[in-house]
Amino acid sequence: MPIEPGDGVTIEYVGRFEDGSVFDTSRPEVAREHGLIEAQGVEASEYAPLSFTVGAGEIIEGIDEAIVGMTAGEEATVTVPPAKAYGEFQADRVREYDPETFEGMVGKEPEVGLHVEAENGLHGDVTAVRDDAIEVDFNHELSGKTLVFDIEVVDVR
């Protein structure tokens, strides 16, 4: 039976950028091979099949749409443009703070790569530290990127 919105599915996946580099996966062996376990600082056991309800907005739109019509055991490669993944990069989501204000809000010394959470719940990463300003990018780390997923439908409920 082809998958329809409302069906529960479980998939295995490998997420790559257009250049072929792997940024995420459900498969521990792929995570290990591409250095994700060390880079993401998680255990191999945390890489596991992904379960979700089709059409419920639990996963990026491009995968949600691609799953419809597939069947259990089917594999596909899906290219997802930014608009159906994490959106386009938005320059107005890059903010500057003076160093004192930043340290008062975050309670830490600013350094490039530091992950911060704003009072409004937005998450961002410090992208520049200058004497006069700290730059924080509140875009999703995958915004503006076309993503390629190798998907295998493991189960349909």
Protein backbone atom coordinates (compact mmCIF):
# COMPACT_ATOMS: atom_id res chain seq x y z
CA MET A 1 0.00 0.00 0.00
CA PRO A 2 1.39 3.42 -0.92
CA ILE A 3 2.08 5.78 1.98
CA GLU A 4 -0.56 8.47 2.55
CA PRO A 5 -0.75 11.51 4.84
CA GLY A 6 -1.64 10.35 8.36
CA ASP A 7 0.37 7.11 8.07
CA GLY A 8 3.08 6.47 10.63
CA VAL A 9 6.41 5.66 8.99
CA THR A 10 9.92 4.75 10.05
CA ILE A 11 12.81 5.59 7.75
CA GLU A 12 16.57 5.16 7.61
CA TYR A 13 18.30 8.14 6.01
CA VAL A 14 21.60 9.73 5.07
CA GLY A 15 21.57 13.52 4.68
CA ARG A 16 24.19 15.09 2.43
CA PHE A 17 25.02 18.49 1.05
CA GLU A 18 25.18 18.91 -2.73
CA ASP A 19 28.97 18.39 -2.59
CA GLY A 20 28.36 14.89 -1.18
CA SER A 21 29.52 15.56 2.39
CA VAL A 22 27.32 13.88 5.01
CA PHE A 23 25.78 16.14 7.70
CA ASP A 24 23.37 13.68 9.38
CA THR A 25 22.22 10.09 9.28
CA SER A 26 20.17 7.49 11.11
CA ARG A 27 22.82 4.84 10.45
CA PRO A 28 25.58 4.52 13.11
CA GLU A 29 28.04 2.99 10.62
CA VAL A 30 27.65 5.97 8.27
CA ALA A 31 28.02 8.39 11.20
CA ARG A 32 31.23 6.64 12.24
CA GLU A 33 32.61 6.55 8.67
CA HIS A 34 32.02 10.30 8.17
CA GLY A 35 33.24 11.44 11.59
CA LEU A 36 29.83 12.60 12.81
CA ILE A 37 30.02 10.77 16.14
CA GLU A 38 33.10 12.72 17.16
CA ALA A 39 31.95 15.99 15.58
CA GLN A 40 28.47 15.90 17.15
CA GLY A 41 29.63 14.44 20.45
CA VAL A 42 26.91 11.80 20.66
CA GLU A 43 26.94 8.05 21.14
CA ALA A 44 26.62 5.72 18.15
CA SER A 45 23.41 4.36 19.72
CA GLU A 46 21.75 7.76 19.21
CA TYR A 47 21.82 7.24 15.44
CA ALA A 48 18.58 5.34 14.87
CA PRO A 49 15.71 5.09 12.40
CA LEU A 50 13.37 8.09 12.40
CA SER A 51 9.64 7.60 13.03
CA PHE A 52 7.03 10.25 12.26
CA THR A 53 3.48 10.80 11.04
CA VAL A 54 3.33 11.76 7.37
CA GLY A 55 1.85 15.21 6.80
CA ALA A 56 1.86 16.21 10.48
CA GLY A 57 4.74 18.69 10.15
CA GLU A 58 7.07 16.56 12.29
CA ILE A 59 9.81 16.56 9.64
CA ILE A 60 10.99 18.93 6.92
CA GLU A 61 8.42 19.46 4.19
CA GLY A 62 10.59 18.07 1.38
CA ILE A 63 10.88 14.64 3.00
CA ASP A 64 7.26 14.67 4.17
CA GLU A 65 6.13 15.20 0.56
CA ALA A 66 8.61 12.71 -0.95
CA ILE A 67 7.44 9.87 1.32
CA VAL A 68 3.85 10.06 0.03
CA GLY A 69 3.34 7.26 -2.51
CA MET A 70 6.37 5.24 -1.42
CA THR A 71 5.98 1.75 0.06
CA ALA A 72 7.67 -0.25 2.82
CA GLY A 73 11.13 -1.37 1.68
CA GLU A 74 11.35 1.29 -1.04
CA GLU A 75 14.46 3.48 -1.34
CA ALA A 76 14.79 6.90 -2.94
CA THR A 77 17.16 9.83 -3.23
CA VAL A 78 15.40 13.13 -2.60
CA THR A 79 16.81 16.61 -3.29
CA VAL A 80 15.24 19.19 -1.00
CA PRO A 81 15.57 22.92 -1.79
CA PRO A 82 15.92 25.40 1.10
CA ALA A 83 12.26 26.45 0.86
CA LYS A 84 11.18 22.88 1.72
CA ALA A 85 13.94 22.31 4.29
CA TYR A 86 15.16 24.99 6.72
CA GLY A 87 14.34 28.09 4.68
CA GLU A 88 16.50 30.67 2.97
CA PHE A 89 19.30 32.43 4.81
CA GLN A 90 17.91 35.68 6.25
CA ALA A 91 20.45 38.46 6.77
CA ASP A 92 18.17 40.16 9.32
CA ARG A 93 18.57 37.14 11.61
CA VAL A 94 22.25 38.02 12.10
CA ARG A 95 22.44 40.39 15.04
CA GLU A 96 25.22 42.41 16.66
CA TYR A 97 25.59 43.03 20.38
CA ASP A 98 28.09 45.12 22.24
CA PRO A 99 30.42 42.89 24.29
CA GLU A 100 29.06 43.97 27.70
CA THR A 101 25.45 43.36 26.68
CA PHE A 102 26.37 39.96 25.23
CA GLU A 103 28.19 38.79 28.36
CA GLY A 104 25.33 40.03 30.53
CA MET A 105 22.77 38.08 28.48
CA VAL A 106 24.79 34.91 27.97
CA GLY A 107 26.98 34.84 31.06
CA LYS A 108 29.95 33.56 29.06
CA GLU A 109 32.96 34.98 27.30
CA PRO A 110 32.11 35.29 23.58
CA GLU A 111 33.94 33.04 21.15
CA VAL A 112 33.26 32.05 17.55
CA GLY A 113 31.17 28.89 17.45
CA LEU A 114 29.55 29.40 20.87
CA HIS A 115 25.90 28.30 20.74
CA VAL A 116 23.50 30.64 22.54
CA GLU A 117 19.79 30.73 23.30
CA ALA A 118 18.07 34.10 23.37
CA GLU A 119 15.35 35.00 25.86
CA ASN A 120 12.77 34.68 23.05
CA GLY A 121 13.78 31.03 22.53
CA LEU A 122 15.79 31.56 19.35
CA HIS A 123 19.02 29.62 19.07
CA GLY A 124 22.08 31.13 17.45
CA ASP A 125 25.80 30.79 16.97
CA VAL A 126 28.48 33.40 17.53
CA THR A 127 30.00 34.05 14.09
CA ALA A 128 32.35 36.97 14.85
CA VAL A 129 33.99 38.52 17.90
CA ARG A 130 35.38 42.03 17.54
CA ASP A 131 36.41 44.62 20.12
CA ASP A 132 33.27 46.64 19.44
CA ALA A 133 30.67 43.93 18.65
CA ILE A 134 29.70 40.27 18.93
CA GLU A 135 27.87 38.87 15.89
CA VAL A 136 25.27 36.13 16.43
CA ASP A 137 23.58 34.27 13.58
CA PHE A 138 20.04 33.11 14.51
CA ASN A 139 19.44 31.34 11.17
CA HIS A 140 19.14 27.55 11.34
CA GLU A 141 22.56 26.07 10.57
CA LEU A 142 21.13 24.40 7.45
CA SER A 143 19.21 27.44 6.15
CA GLY A 144 19.95 28.39 2.57
CA LYS A 145 21.26 24.92 1.74
CA THR A 146 19.91 22.37 -0.72
CA LEU A 147 19.91 18.99 1.01
CA VAL A 148 20.07 15.52 -0.53
CA PHE A 149 18.64 12.56 1.38
CA ASP A 150 18.98 8.86 0.68
CA ILE A 151 15.82 7.43 2.27
CA GLU A 152 14.74 3.85 2.95
CA VAL A 153 11.21 3.22 4.19
CA VAL A 154 11.63 0.63 6.96
CA ASP A 155 8.05 0.46 8.28
CA VAL A 156 4.58 1.83 7.56
CA ARG A 157 1.79 1.85 10.17
